[in-house]
């Protein structure tokens, strides 16, 4: 079938627009990935024996601009001790836990999440500085969430229920450029076993579609 130069241009533009509207990434999060070290330079220490880069969280994206909608799906799990691996990326639903408000790295931990669950933290692309923002108190069963910069937020398995329920949506805050992923613990991530494979879909902000 013959198409004109103008039609070809339209098709290429449409394809490019589709890529801009949504893209996906897959990353591996280790049990040792400490979200309080998000964006911190080599040598930064905190949290009972952890230090960057050995226990730094994984950088899932550094191309955000604010307003995008994120969704997640996961396989695998991690543990909070060498002999304890959780059933899923939701961690231990029978082990509710509130993370520390401020470990001195400019990042705050959330209230009422599950130990060994998947979490994220947005940054400006530069190391967070104190004081840490207020702690999120949104639980784990929300449908939508709009975390602030440097606020650790719950992701778990990306659904409102463990392995079931509605796919949760996360709005990237204004000013965010980077997203780091780690896991829930109290201190000393360095001996945590396991891995979580995270598939993340990024959809452009509604005003940009």
Protein backbone atom coordinates (compact mmCIF):
# COMPACT_ATOMS: atom_id res chain seq x y z
CA UNK A 1 0.00 0.00 0.00
CA UNK A 2 1.39 3.40 -0.98
CA UNK A 3 1.28 6.25 1.52
CA UNK A 4 2.23 9.84 0.90
CA UNK A 5 5.06 11.67 2.60
CA UNK A 6 2.49 13.61 4.64
CA UNK A 7 0.81 10.39 5.81
CA UNK A 8 4.15 8.90 6.77
CA UNK A 9 4.96 12.00 8.80
CA UNK A 10 1.64 11.74 10.64
CA UNK A 11 2.24 8.07 11.45
CA UNK A 12 5.73 8.77 12.80
CA UNK A 13 4.43 11.68 14.86
CA UNK A 14 1.64 9.57 16.29
CA UNK A 15 4.06 6.80 17.19
CA UNK A 16 6.34 9.31 18.89
CA UNK A 17 3.41 10.74 20.80
CA UNK A 18 2.48 7.27 21.99
CA UNK A 19 5.98 6.72 23.34
CA UNK A 20 5.83 10.06 25.12
CA UNK A 21 2.50 9.22 26.68
CA UNK A 22 3.58 6.00 28.31
CA UNK A 23 6.68 3.93 28.84
CA UNK A 24 7.73 1.09 31.09
CA UNK A 25 10.80 -0.03 32.97
CA UNK A 26 11.82 -3.15 34.88
CA UNK A 27 14.25 -3.01 37.80
CA UNK A 28 15.47 -5.38 40.51
CA UNK A 29 15.15 -4.26 44.13
CA UNK A 30 17.32 -6.07 46.67
CA UNK A 31 16.54 -6.62 50.32
CA UNK A 32 19.55 -4.44 51.11
CA UNK A 33 18.12 -1.37 49.32
CA UNK A 34 17.66 1.30 52.00
CA UNK A 35 15.29 4.11 50.90
CA UNK A 36 16.73 6.58 53.42
CA UNK A 37 19.90 6.67 51.30
CA UNK A 38 18.05 7.88 48.18
CA UNK A 39 20.32 10.10 46.13
CA UNK A 40 23.03 10.25 48.78
CA UNK A 41 26.71 10.42 47.76
CA UNK A 42 29.23 7.68 48.37
CA UNK A 43 30.19 7.39 52.02
CA UNK A 44 26.89 8.61 53.47
CA UNK A 45 26.01 6.40 56.44
CA UNK A 46 22.81 5.90 58.39
CA UNK A 47 20.42 3.45 59.91
CA UNK A 48 22.56 1.14 61.98
CA UNK A 49 25.36 0.07 59.68
CA UNK A 50 24.21 1.00 56.18
CA UNK A 51 26.13 3.24 53.79
CA UNK A 52 26.03 4.46 50.20
CA UNK A 53 26.47 2.96 47.69
CA UNK A 54 26.40 -0.59 49.12
CA UNK A 55 22.93 -0.18 50.64
CA UNK A 56 21.64 2.59 48.38
CA UNK A 57 18.15 2.08 46.90
CA UNK A 58 17.81 1.31 43.21
CA UNK A 59 17.30 4.25 40.84
CA UNK A 60 14.15 3.31 38.92
CA UNK A 61 13.87 6.52 36.88
CA UNK A 62 15.73 9.81 36.48
CA UNK A 63 13.57 11.23 33.70
CA UNK A 64 10.45 12.31 35.57
CA UNK A 65 9.04 15.82 35.36
CA UNK A 66 6.10 15.84 37.77
CA UNK A 67 2.46 14.93 37.27
CA UNK A 68 3.02 11.51 35.68
CA UNK A 69 0.97 8.56 36.86
CA UNK A 70 2.86 5.42 37.91
CA UNK A 71 1.60 1.87 38.32
CA UNK A 72 3.58 -1.15 39.49
CA UNK A 73 3.53 -4.92 39.25
CA UNK A 74 5.93 -7.19 41.10
CA UNK A 75 7.28 -10.69 41.56
CA UNK A 76 9.57 -11.98 44.28
CA UNK A 77 10.03 -10.83 47.87
CA UNK A 78 12.61 -9.88 50.49
CA UNK A 79 13.16 -10.42 54.20
CA UNK A 80 14.19 -8.36 57.22
CA UNK A 81 16.70 -10.98 58.43
CA UNK A 82 18.77 -13.71 56.74
CA UNK A 83 16.26 -16.43 57.62
CA UNK A 84 13.05 -14.49 57.02
CA UNK A 85 11.72 -13.92 53.48
CA UNK A 86 8.23 -12.46 53.08
CA UNK A 87 5.49 -14.11 50.99
CA UNK A 88 5.34 -11.25 48.45
CA UNK A 89 6.30 -7.64 47.77
CA UNK A 90 3.61 -6.71 50.29
CA UNK A 91 6.00 -7.90 52.97
CA UNK A 92 4.44 -9.28 56.14
CA UNK A 93 0.76 -8.19 56.41
CA UNK A 94 0.75 -9.45 60.01
CA UNK A 95 3.69 -7.19 60.88
CA UNK A 96 2.46 -3.57 60.72
CA UNK A 97 5.28 -1.11 61.17
CA UNK A 98 5.98 2.63 61.21
CA UNK A 99 9.30 3.65 59.74
CA UNK A 100 11.57 6.22 61.40
CA UNK A 101 10.56 9.86 60.92
CA UNK A 102 14.05 11.12 60.11
CA UNK A 103 17.40 9.32 59.98
CA UNK A 104 19.25 12.53 59.18
CA UNK A 105 19.30 12.14 55.39
CA UNK A 106 16.37 14.48 54.69
CA UNK A 107 13.96 11.60 54.01
CA UNK A 108 10.93 10.64 56.13
CA UNK A 109 9.51 7.16 56.67
CA UNK A 110 5.78 6.34 56.46
CA UNK A 111 3.41 5.20 59.19
CA UNK A 112 1.52 1.90 59.28
CA UNK A 113 3.12 -0.11 56.47
CA UNK A 114 4.40 -3.72 56.42
CA UNK A 115 7.92 -4.89 57.13
CA UNK A 116 9.79 -6.09 54.01
CA UNK A 117 7.32 -4.40 51.65
CA UNK A 118 8.33 -2.42 48.57
CA UNK A 119 8.52 1.37 48.93
CA UNK A 120 9.60 4.35 46.85
CA UNK A 121 10.89 7.88 47.34
CA UNK A 122 10.94 10.79 44.89
CA UNK A 123 13.80 13.31 44.77
CA UNK A 124 14.66 16.40 42.76
CA UNK A 125 17.65 14.59 41.30
CA UNK A 126 19.88 16.01 44.02
CA UNK A 127 20.53 14.56 47.51
CA UNK A 128 17.66 15.40 49.88
CA UNK A 129 18.54 17.76 52.72
CA UNK A 130 16.90 18.15 56.11
CA UNK A 131 14.71 18.62 57.85
CA UNK A 132 12.80 15.61 56.59
CA UNK A 133 9.19 16.24 55.46
CA UNK A 134 6.16 15.03 57.41
CA UNK A 135 5.57 11.28 57.49
CA UNK A 136 2.94 9.85 55.15
CA UNK A 137 0.02 8.29 56.99
CA UNK A 138 -1.88 6.73 54.09
CA UNK A 139 -1.74 3.04 55.01
CA UNK A 140 -1.47 0.37 52.32
CA UNK A 141 -4.96 -0.03 50.81
CA UNK A 142 -5.39 3.33 49.07
CA UNK A 143 -6.43 3.53 45.42
CA UNK A 144 -4.46 6.67 44.56
CA UNK A 145 -1.55 8.36 46.31
CA UNK A 146 0.31 11.64 45.82
CA UNK A 147 3.54 11.45 47.81
CA UNK A 148 5.70 14.52 48.35
CA UNK A 149 9.38 14.88 47.65
CA UNK A 150 11.60 12.87 50.04
CA UNK A 151 8.63 11.05 51.58
CA UNK A 152 9.04 7.28 51.55
CA UNK A 153 5.74 5.88 50.27
CA UNK A 154 4.20 2.42 50.23
CA UNK A 155 4.01 0.41 46.98
CA UNK A 156 3.92 -3.24 48.05
CA UNK A 157 2.70 -5.45 45.22
CA UNK A 158 0.99 -2.47 43.55
CA UNK A 159 -2.56 -3.53 44.41
CA UNK A 160 -5.08 -2.58 47.07
CA UNK A 161 -4.99 -6.16 48.37
CA UNK A 162 -2.22 -8.73 48.49
CA UNK A 163 -2.17 -10.29 45.02
CA UNK A 164 -5.62 -8.93 44.20
CA UNK A 165 -7.70 -5.79 44.17
CA UNK A 166 -7.41 -2.54 42.23
CA UNK A 167 -4.13 -1.47 40.62
CA UNK A 168 -2.93 1.49 42.69
CA UNK A 169 -1.94 4.74 41.01
CA UNK A 170 0.83 7.06 42.18
CA UNK A 171 1.16 10.69 41.10
CA UNK A 172 4.69 12.05 40.70
CA UNK A 173 5.08 15.30 42.71
CA UNK A 174 5.98 18.62 41.13
CA UNK A 175 9.74 19.06 41.09
CA UNK A 176 10.52 15.34 41.09
CA UNK A 177 13.05 14.01 38.60
CA UNK A 178 14.15 10.74 40.17
CA UNK A 179 12.43 7.75 41.73
CA UNK A 180 14.28 5.36 44.04
CA UNK A 181 12.93 2.00 45.20
CA UNK A 182 13.78 0.18 48.42
CA UNK A 183 12.15 -1.90 51.13
CA UNK A 184 10.72 -1.47 54.63
CA UNK A 185 12.92 -2.17 57.64
CA UNK A 186 13.76 -0.56 60.96
CA UNK A 187 17.55 -0.42 60.71
CA UNK A 188 20.41 -2.35 59.18
CA UNK A 189 19.26 -3.27 55.67
CA UNK A 190 22.71 -4.74 54.93
CA UNK A 191 21.80 -8.34 55.83
CA UNK A 192 18.35 -8.53 54.25
CA UNK A 193 17.89 -11.40 51.75
CA UNK A 194 15.80 -11.65 48.59
CA UNK A 195 14.88 -9.64 45.52
CA UNK A 196 11.76 -8.04 44.06
CA UNK A 197 11.39 -7.64 40.30
CA UNK A 198 9.43 -4.46 39.69
CA UNK A 199 7.71 -3.52 36.45
CA UNK A 200 6.81 0.16 36.41
CA UNK A 201 4.56 1.88 33.89
CA UNK A 202 4.83 5.64 33.51
CA UNK A 203 1.91 7.50 31.95
CA UNK A 204 2.13 11.20 31.14
CA UNK A 205 0.26 13.71 33.25
CA UNK A 206 -3.37 14.15 32.11
CA UNK A 207 -2.66 17.72 30.90
CA UNK A 208 0.17 16.40 28.70
CA UNK A 209 -1.86 13.72 26.91
